[in-house]
Amino acid sequence: MANERELITQVVTINRTSKVSKGGRQFGFTAHVVVGDGKSKVGLGSGKAKEVSIAVQKAVDEAKKSMHRIKLINGTLHHAIQSQYGASIVYMSPASPGTGVIAGGAMRSVFDCLGVENVLAKRYRSSNPVNVVKATIKGLREMETLEDVAKRRNISK
């Protein structure tokens, strides 16, 4: 399928756990992956397995199922927005053309997969990458367009 090849995949975290048993240590891996089409769709998935590659593939499959459409305007956001998930707080603001993506690790992977070209972003409090990604996606989903606000207020724009 042509659509499958166009997806952008970014691994956010890989965690290793171990269990000690009679035969030695048994390792398990958890992977968190952000998947996007670069044209306003993004999703987050997590997967667990005994091998890293299998965990990443499970995470990619889950991320494809949980993709959300985000409304963008000229490669940036409609308005500044602040969002929280767990203890992580993120602030995202639209930027003028040519600014680029000014964001840290986990937030940058979301913007790269989403196709945002210009944005200013900052995270506060917890730096847990999974919560930062979830807060970023939550904030982007809550963002309203001019048409949404006009419709909610029952006015013509």
N, C-alpha and C. Protein backbone atom coordinates (compact mmCIF):
# COMPACT_ATOMS: atom_id res chain seq x y z
N MET A 1 0.84 -1.18 0.00
CA MET A 1 0.00 0.00 0.00
C MET A 1 0.89 1.25 0.00
N ALA A 2 0.55 2.20 -0.85
CA ALA A 2 1.35 3.42 -0.97
C ALA A 2 1.26 4.27 0.28
N ASN A 3 0.11 4.27 0.93
CA ASN A 3 -0.08 5.10 2.12
C ASN A 3 0.83 4.64 3.27
N GLU A 4 1.06 3.31 3.38
CA GLU A 4 1.88 2.77 4.45
C GLU A 4 3.32 3.25 4.33
N ARG A 5 3.84 3.37 3.10
CA ARG A 5 5.23 3.75 2.90
C ARG A 5 5.48 5.21 3.24
N GLU A 6 4.48 6.04 3.18
CA GLU A 6 4.65 7.47 3.40
C GLU A 6 4.66 7.86 4.88
N LEU A 7 4.41 6.92 5.78
CA LEU A 7 4.35 7.24 7.20
C LEU A 7 5.74 7.49 7.77
N ILE A 8 5.83 8.51 8.63
CA ILE A 8 7.07 8.86 9.31
C ILE A 8 7.00 8.24 10.70
N THR A 9 8.04 7.50 11.08
CA THR A 9 8.08 6.82 12.37
C THR A 9 9.24 7.34 13.19
N GLN A 10 8.97 7.71 14.44
CA GLN A 10 10.02 8.17 15.35
C GLN A 10 9.88 7.44 16.68
N VAL A 11 10.95 6.79 17.11
CA VAL A 11 10.95 6.10 18.40
C VAL A 11 11.18 7.15 19.49
N VAL A 12 10.28 7.20 20.46
CA VAL A 12 10.38 8.17 21.55
C VAL A 12 11.23 7.59 22.68
N THR A 13 10.89 6.40 23.16
CA THR A 13 11.67 5.77 24.22
C THR A 13 11.69 4.26 24.03
N ILE A 14 12.74 3.65 24.55
CA ILE A 14 12.82 2.19 24.67
C ILE A 14 13.27 1.91 26.10
N ASN A 15 12.45 1.20 26.84
CA ASN A 15 12.78 0.86 28.23
C ASN A 15 13.08 -0.63 28.32
N ARG A 16 14.09 -0.96 29.14
CA ARG A 16 14.44 -2.36 29.35
C ARG A 16 14.12 -2.75 30.78
N THR A 17 13.50 -3.89 30.94
CA THR A 17 13.22 -4.44 32.27
C THR A 17 13.86 -5.83 32.33
N SER A 18 14.15 -6.29 33.53
CA SER A 18 14.72 -7.63 33.66
C SER A 18 14.06 -8.38 34.80
N LYS A 19 14.01 -9.67 34.60
CA LYS A 19 13.47 -10.57 35.62
C LYS A 19 14.52 -11.65 35.84
N VAL A 20 14.92 -11.82 37.09
CA VAL A 20 15.93 -12.83 37.39
C VAL A 20 15.23 -14.11 37.81
N SER A 21 15.57 -15.18 37.10
CA SER A 21 15.01 -16.49 37.43
C SER A 21 16.16 -17.49 37.55
N LYS A 22 15.85 -18.74 37.73
CA LYS A 22 16.84 -19.78 37.95
C LYS A 22 17.85 -19.87 36.80
N GLY A 23 17.38 -19.68 35.59
CA GLY A 23 18.24 -19.80 34.42
C GLY A 23 19.02 -18.54 34.09
N GLY A 24 18.81 -17.45 34.81
CA GLY A 24 19.50 -16.20 34.53
C GLY A 24 18.52 -15.06 34.34
N ARG A 25 19.01 -13.97 33.77
CA ARG A 25 18.15 -12.81 33.58
C ARG A 25 17.34 -12.94 32.30
N GLN A 26 16.09 -12.53 32.41
CA GLN A 26 15.24 -12.45 31.22
C GLN A 26 14.88 -10.99 31.01
N PHE A 27 15.19 -10.48 29.82
CA PHE A 27 14.94 -9.07 29.53
C PHE A 27 13.65 -8.89 28.76
N GLY A 28 12.98 -7.79 29.07
CA GLY A 28 11.79 -7.39 28.32
C GLY A 28 11.97 -5.95 27.90
N PHE A 29 11.35 -5.58 26.79
CA PHE A 29 11.51 -4.23 26.27
C PHE A 29 10.15 -3.59 26.02
N THR A 30 10.07 -2.30 26.30
CA THR A 30 8.88 -1.50 26.02
C THR A 30 9.30 -0.37 25.10
N ALA A 31 8.56 -0.20 24.00
CA ALA A 31 8.88 0.86 23.05
C ALA A 31 7.69 1.79 22.90
N HIS A 32 7.96 3.09 22.81
CA HIS A 32 6.94 4.10 22.54
C HIS A 32 7.31 4.79 21.24
N VAL A 33 6.37 4.82 20.30
CA VAL A 33 6.65 5.30 18.95
C VAL A 33 5.59 6.31 18.53
N VAL A 34 6.03 7.38 17.85
CA VAL A 34 5.12 8.36 17.25
C VAL A 34 5.14 8.13 15.75
N VAL A 35 3.94 8.03 15.16
CA VAL A 35 3.80 7.81 13.72
C VAL A 35 2.95 8.93 13.14
N GLY A 36 3.36 9.46 11.99
CA GLY A 36 2.59 10.51 11.33
C GLY A 36 2.77 10.44 9.83
N ASP A 37 1.90 11.12 9.11
CA ASP A 37 1.98 11.12 7.65
C ASP A 37 2.64 12.39 7.12
N GLY A 38 3.02 13.31 8.00
CA GLY A 38 3.64 14.56 7.57
C GLY A 38 2.65 15.54 6.98
N LYS A 39 1.37 15.20 7.04
CA LYS A 39 0.32 16.05 6.45
C LYS A 39 -0.86 16.19 7.41
N SER A 40 -0.61 16.34 8.68
CA SER A 40 -1.62 16.63 9.70
C SER A 40 -2.24 15.41 10.36
N LYS A 41 -1.62 14.25 10.31
CA LYS A 41 -2.10 13.11 11.09
C LYS A 41 -0.96 12.57 11.94
N VAL A 42 -1.26 12.27 13.21
CA VAL A 42 -0.24 11.77 14.12
C VAL A 42 -0.86 10.81 15.13
N GLY A 43 -0.07 9.84 15.59
CA GLY A 43 -0.55 8.88 16.58
C GLY A 43 0.60 8.39 17.44
N LEU A 44 0.28 7.93 18.65
CA LEU A 44 1.26 7.40 19.59
C LEU A 44 0.90 5.96 19.91
N GLY A 45 1.90 5.09 19.95
CA GLY A 45 1.65 3.70 20.29
C GLY A 45 2.75 3.16 21.19
N SER A 46 2.42 2.13 21.95
CA SER A 46 3.43 1.47 22.78
C SER A 46 3.32 -0.03 22.59
N GLY A 47 4.45 -0.70 22.70
CA GLY A 47 4.47 -2.15 22.52
C GLY A 47 5.47 -2.79 23.46
N LYS A 48 5.17 -4.02 23.88
CA LYS A 48 6.06 -4.76 24.77
C LYS A 48 6.41 -6.09 24.13
N ALA A 49 7.68 -6.50 24.27
CA ALA A 49 8.12 -7.78 23.74
C ALA A 49 9.46 -8.16 24.35
N LYS A 50 9.93 -9.35 24.06
CA LYS A 50 11.23 -9.82 24.55
C LYS A 50 12.37 -9.30 23.69
N GLU A 51 12.06 -8.78 22.49
CA GLU A 51 13.07 -8.19 21.62
C GLU A 51 12.66 -6.77 21.24
N VAL A 52 13.66 -5.92 21.01
CA VAL A 52 13.40 -4.51 20.73
C VAL A 52 12.62 -4.34 19.42
N SER A 53 13.04 -5.03 18.37
CA SER A 53 12.41 -4.85 17.06
C SER A 53 10.94 -5.25 17.07
N ILE A 54 10.61 -6.29 17.80
CA ILE A 54 9.21 -6.72 17.88
C ILE A 54 8.40 -5.71 18.68
N ALA A 55 8.99 -5.18 19.76
CA ALA A 55 8.30 -4.16 20.57
C ALA A 55 8.04 -2.91 19.74
N VAL A 56 9.02 -2.50 18.94
CA VAL A 56 8.85 -1.31 18.09
C VAL A 56 7.76 -1.56 17.05
N GLN A 57 7.74 -2.75 16.44
CA GLN A 57 6.72 -3.05 15.44
C GLN A 57 5.32 -3.05 16.05
N LYS A 58 5.18 -3.60 17.26
CA LYS A 58 3.89 -3.57 17.95
C LYS A 58 3.46 -2.13 18.23
N ALA A 59 4.42 -1.29 18.64
CA ALA A 59 4.12 0.11 18.93
C ALA A 59 3.69 0.84 17.67
N VAL A 60 4.35 0.56 16.54
CA VAL A 60 3.98 1.20 15.27
C VAL A 60 2.57 0.79 14.86
N ASP A 61 2.24 -0.48 15.02
CA ASP A 61 0.89 -0.95 14.67
C ASP A 61 -0.17 -0.26 15.53
N GLU A 62 0.11 -0.10 16.83
CA GLU A 62 -0.85 0.58 17.71
C GLU A 62 -0.96 2.06 17.36
N ALA A 63 0.17 2.68 17.02
CA ALA A 63 0.16 4.11 16.67
C ALA A 63 -0.65 4.36 15.41
N LYS A 64 -0.57 3.45 14.45
CA LYS A 64 -1.35 3.60 13.21
C LYS A 64 -2.85 3.56 13.49
N LYS A 65 -3.24 2.76 14.48
CA LYS A 65 -4.66 2.64 14.83
C LYS A 65 -5.16 3.86 15.59
N SER A 66 -4.24 4.57 16.28
CA SER A 66 -4.67 5.69 17.13
C SER A 66 -4.31 7.04 16.53
N MET A 67 -4.27 7.13 15.21
CA MET A 67 -3.90 8.40 14.57
C MET A 67 -5.04 9.41 14.65
N HIS A 68 -4.67 10.67 14.89
CA HIS A 68 -5.64 11.76 15.00
C HIS A 68 -5.32 12.81 13.94
N ARG A 69 -6.37 13.42 13.38
CA ARG A 69 -6.17 14.50 12.41
C ARG A 69 -6.09 15.82 13.17
N ILE A 70 -5.05 16.57 12.90
CA ILE A 70 -4.81 17.87 13.53
C ILE A 70 -4.93 18.95 12.46
N LYS A 71 -5.70 19.98 12.73
CA LYS A 71 -5.87 21.06 11.75
C LYS A 71 -4.74 22.07 11.90
N LEU A 72 -3.97 22.24 10.81
CA LEU A 72 -2.86 23.19 10.80
C LEU A 72 -3.16 24.31 9.81
N ILE A 73 -2.44 25.40 9.94
CA ILE A 73 -2.60 26.51 9.00
C ILE A 73 -1.21 26.95 8.54
N ASN A 74 -0.92 26.80 7.28
CA ASN A 74 0.37 27.18 6.67
C ASN A 74 1.56 26.57 7.41
N GLY A 75 1.45 25.32 7.80
CA GLY A 75 2.56 24.62 8.44
C GLY A 75 2.82 25.01 9.88
N THR A 76 1.87 25.68 10.52
CA THR A 76 2.03 26.04 11.93
C THR A 76 0.68 25.90 12.64
N LEU A 77 0.63 26.27 13.91
CA LEU A 77 -0.58 26.15 14.71
C LEU A 77 -1.50 27.34 14.50
N HIS A 78 -2.76 27.18 14.87
CA HIS A 78 -3.73 28.27 14.75
C HIS A 78 -3.53 29.32 15.84
N HIS A 79 -3.23 28.88 17.04
CA HIS A 79 -3.06 29.80 18.17
C HIS A 79 -2.20 29.14 19.23
N ALA A 80 -1.75 29.91 20.18
CA ALA A 80 -0.95 29.37 21.28
C ALA A 80 -1.85 28.51 22.17
N ILE A 81 -1.28 27.44 22.69
CA ILE A 81 -2.07 26.54 23.52
C ILE A 81 -1.18 25.91 24.59
N GLN A 82 -1.77 25.70 25.76
CA GLN A 82 -1.07 25.04 26.86
C GLN A 82 -1.87 23.80 27.21
N SER A 83 -1.17 22.70 27.46
CA SER A 83 -1.84 21.44 27.74
C SER A 83 -1.08 20.68 28.82
N GLN A 84 -1.80 19.82 29.53
CA GLN A 84 -1.19 19.06 30.61
C GLN A 84 -1.62 17.60 30.51
N TYR A 85 -0.67 16.71 30.76
CA TYR A 85 -0.98 15.28 30.89
C TYR A 85 -0.09 14.77 32.01
N GLY A 86 -0.70 14.25 33.06
CA GLY A 86 0.06 13.84 34.23
C GLY A 86 0.72 15.06 34.84
N ALA A 87 2.03 14.98 35.09
CA ALA A 87 2.75 16.11 35.66
C ALA A 87 3.42 16.95 34.57
N SER A 88 3.31 16.55 33.32
CA SER A 88 3.95 17.28 32.23
C SER A 88 3.03 18.37 31.71
N ILE A 89 3.58 19.57 31.56
CA ILE A 89 2.86 20.70 30.99
C ILE A 89 3.63 21.15 29.76
N VAL A 90 2.91 21.35 28.65
CA VAL A 90 3.56 21.82 27.43
C VAL A 90 2.88 23.10 26.96
N TYR A 91 3.69 23.99 26.38
CA TYR A 91 3.19 25.23 25.80
C TYR A 91 3.66 25.27 24.36
N MET A 92 2.71 25.51 23.44
CA MET A 92 3.02 25.55 22.02
C MET A 92 2.47 26.84 21.44
N SER A 93 3.27 27.49 20.61
CA SER A 93 2.89 28.76 20.03
C SER A 93 3.20 28.76 18.54
N PRO A 94 2.33 29.35 17.71
CA PRO A 94 2.64 29.42 16.28
C PRO A 94 3.85 30.33 16.05
N ALA A 95 4.55 30.07 14.96
CA ALA A 95 5.73 30.86 14.65
C ALA A 95 5.67 31.33 13.21
N SER A 96 6.38 32.42 12.92
CA SER A 96 6.38 32.97 11.57
C SER A 96 7.19 32.05 10.64
N PRO A 97 6.93 32.13 9.34
CA PRO A 97 7.65 31.28 8.39
C PRO A 97 9.16 31.50 8.48
N GLY A 98 9.90 30.39 8.44
CA GLY A 98 11.35 30.44 8.52
C GLY A 98 11.90 30.21 9.91
N THR A 99 11.04 30.14 10.91
CA THR A 99 11.48 29.94 12.28
C THR A 99 11.97 28.52 12.50
N GLY A 100 11.25 27.54 11.95
CA GLY A 100 11.59 26.14 12.15
C GLY A 100 10.91 25.59 13.38
N VAL A 101 11.26 24.36 13.72
CA VAL A 101 10.67 23.70 14.90
C VAL A 101 11.63 23.93 16.06
N ILE A 102 11.19 24.76 17.00
CA ILE A 102 11.98 25.01 18.21
C ILE A 102 11.27 24.27 19.34
N ALA A 103 11.71 23.03 19.56
CA ALA A 103 11.09 22.18 20.57
C ALA A 103 12.11 21.12 20.98
N GLY A 104 11.94 20.59 22.18
CA GLY A 104 12.85 19.57 22.68
C GLY A 104 12.42 18.17 22.28
N GLY A 105 13.28 17.23 22.50
CA GLY A 105 13.19 15.81 22.17
C GLY A 105 11.84 15.22 21.81
N ALA A 106 11.03 14.91 22.81
CA ALA A 106 9.77 14.20 22.58
C ALA A 106 8.78 15.05 21.80
N MET A 107 8.71 16.35 22.08
CA MET A 107 7.79 17.22 21.36
C MET A 107 8.22 17.37 19.90
N ARG A 108 9.52 17.43 19.66
CA ARG A 108 10.04 17.56 18.29
C ARG A 108 9.62 16.37 17.44
N SER A 109 9.64 15.16 18.01
CA SER A 109 9.26 13.98 17.23
C SER A 109 7.79 14.06 16.81
N VAL A 110 6.93 14.62 17.67
CA VAL A 110 5.52 14.77 17.31
C VAL A 110 5.38 15.77 16.17
N PHE A 111 6.06 16.90 16.27
CA PHE A 111 5.96 17.93 15.22
C PHE A 111 6.54 17.46 13.90
N ASP A 112 7.64 16.70 13.95
CA ASP A 112 8.23 16.17 12.72
C ASP A 112 7.29 15.20 12.02
N CYS A 113 6.67 14.32 12.79
CA CYS A 113 5.74 13.34 12.20
C CYS A 113 4.46 14.01 11.72
N LEU A 114 4.07 15.08 12.37
CA LEU A 114 2.84 15.79 12.03
C LEU A 114 3.00 16.66 10.80
N GLY A 115 4.19 17.14 10.55
CA GLY A 115 4.42 18.00 9.40
C GLY A 115 4.39 19.48 9.74
N VAL A 116 4.55 19.82 11.01
CA VAL A 116 4.61 21.21 11.42
C VAL A 116 5.98 21.76 11.05
N GLU A 117 6.00 22.91 10.38
CA GLU A 117 7.26 23.48 9.92
C GLU A 117 7.78 24.59 10.83
N ASN A 118 6.86 25.35 11.44
CA ASN A 118 7.24 26.49 12.28
C ASN A 118 6.45 26.47 13.58
N VAL A 119 7.15 26.32 14.69
CA VAL A 119 6.48 26.30 15.99
C VAL A 119 7.50 26.60 17.09
N LEU A 120 7.02 27.25 18.14
CA LEU A 120 7.81 27.48 19.34
C LEU A 120 7.16 26.65 20.45
N ALA A 121 7.93 25.81 21.12
CA ALA A 121 7.33 24.93 22.12
C ALA A 121 8.24 24.81 23.34
N LYS A 122 7.62 24.61 24.48
CA LYS A 122 8.36 24.48 25.73
C LYS A 122 7.62 23.52 26.63
N ARG A 123 8.36 22.67 27.35
CA ARG A 123 7.73 21.79 28.33
C ARG A 123 8.13 22.23 29.72
N TYR A 124 7.23 22.05 30.67
CA TYR A 124 7.47 22.43 32.05
C TYR A 124 7.25 21.23 32.95
N ARG A 125 7.82 21.30 34.13
CA ARG A 125 7.69 20.28 35.17
C ARG A 125 8.26 18.95 34.71
N SER A 126 7.48 17.91 34.61
CA SER A 126 7.99 16.57 34.34
C SER A 126 8.54 16.45 32.92
N SER A 127 9.67 15.77 32.80
CA SER A 127 10.27 15.56 31.49
C SER A 127 10.03 14.14 30.98
N ASN A 128 9.11 13.41 31.59
CA ASN A 128 8.78 12.05 31.16
C ASN A 128 8.35 12.10 29.69
N PRO A 129 9.12 11.48 28.77
CA PRO A 129 8.84 11.64 27.34
C PRO A 129 7.45 11.17 26.92
N VAL A 130 6.96 10.12 27.54
CA VAL A 130 5.64 9.60 27.16
C VAL A 130 4.55 10.61 27.54
N ASN A 131 4.64 11.18 28.74
CA ASN A 131 3.65 12.17 29.17
C ASN A 131 3.77 13.46 28.37
N VAL A 132 5.00 13.82 27.97
CA VAL A 132 5.19 15.01 27.15
C VAL A 132 4.52 14.82 25.79
N VAL A 133 4.70 13.65 25.18
CA VAL A 133 4.06 13.37 23.89
C VAL A 133 2.54 13.36 24.03
N LYS A 134 2.04 12.75 25.07
CA LYS A 134 0.59 12.70 25.28
C LYS A 134 0.02 14.09 25.51
N ALA A 135 0.72 14.92 26.26
CA ALA A 135 0.27 16.29 26.50
C ALA A 135 0.30 17.09 25.20
N THR A 136 1.32 16.88 24.37
CA THR A 136 1.43 17.58 23.09
C THR A 136 0.28 17.22 22.18
N ILE A 137 0.00 15.93 22.04
CA ILE A 137 -1.09 15.48 21.17
C ILE A 137 -2.44 15.96 21.72
N LYS A 138 -2.60 15.91 23.04
CA LYS A 138 -3.85 16.40 23.65
C LYS A 138 -4.06 17.87 23.34
N GLY A 139 -3.01 18.68 23.49
CA GLY A 139 -3.11 20.10 23.20
C GLY A 139 -3.42 20.37 21.74
N LEU A 140 -2.79 19.65 20.85
CA LEU A 140 -3.04 19.83 19.42
C LEU A 140 -4.47 19.45 19.05
N ARG A 141 -5.01 18.43 19.69
CA ARG A 141 -6.39 18.02 19.42
C ARG A 141 -7.39 19.04 19.95
N GLU A 142 -7.04 19.75 21.03
CA GLU A 142 -7.95 20.75 21.62
C GLU A 142 -7.89 22.09 20.89
N MET A 143 -6.91 22.26 20.01
CA MET A 143 -6.76 23.52 19.29
C MET A 143 -7.97 23.75 18.38
N GLU A 144 -8.46 24.99 18.37
CA GLU A 144 -9.65 25.32 17.58
C GLU A 144 -9.30 26.22 16.40
N THR A 145 -9.98 25.98 15.29
CA THR A 145 -9.81 26.84 14.13
C THR A 145 -10.77 28.03 14.24
N LEU A 146 -10.60 29.00 13.37
CA LEU A 146 -11.48 30.17 13.34
C LEU A 146 -12.93 29.74 13.08
N GLU A 147 -13.10 28.76 12.19
CA GLU A 147 -14.45 28.27 11.88
C GLU A 147 -15.09 27.59 13.08
N ASP A 148 -14.30 26.83 13.86
CA ASP A 148 -14.83 26.16 15.05
C ASP A 148 -15.34 27.17 16.07
N VAL A 149 -14.59 28.23 16.28
CA VAL A 149 -14.98 29.25 17.26
C VAL A 149 -16.23 29.99 16.79
N ALA A 150 -16.28 30.33 15.49
CA ALA A 150 -17.46 31.03 14.94
C ALA A 150 -18.70 30.15 15.06
N LYS A 151 -18.54 28.88 14.79
CA LYS A 151 -19.68 27.94 14.88
C LYS A 151 -20.16 27.81 16.33
N ARG A 152 -19.22 27.73 17.28
CA ARG A 152 -19.58 27.60 18.69
C ARG A 152 -20.30 28.84 19.20
N ARG A 153 -19.92 30.02 18.69
CA ARG A 153 -20.54 31.28 19.14
C ARG A 153 -21.76 31.66 18.31
N ASN A 154 -22.11 30.86 17.33
CA ASN A 154 -23.26 31.11 16.47
C ASN A 154 -23.14 32.45 15.73
N ILE A 155 -21.96 32.70 15.19
CA ILE A 155 -21.77 33.91 14.39
C ILE A 155 -21.13 33.51 13.06
N SER A 156 -21.35 34.39 12.07
CA SER A 156 -20.69 34.13 10.79
C SER A 156 -19.37 34.88 10.79
N LYS A 157 -18.36 34.26 10.20
CA LYS A 157 -17.02 34.87 10.30
C LYS A 157 -16.78 35.92 9.27
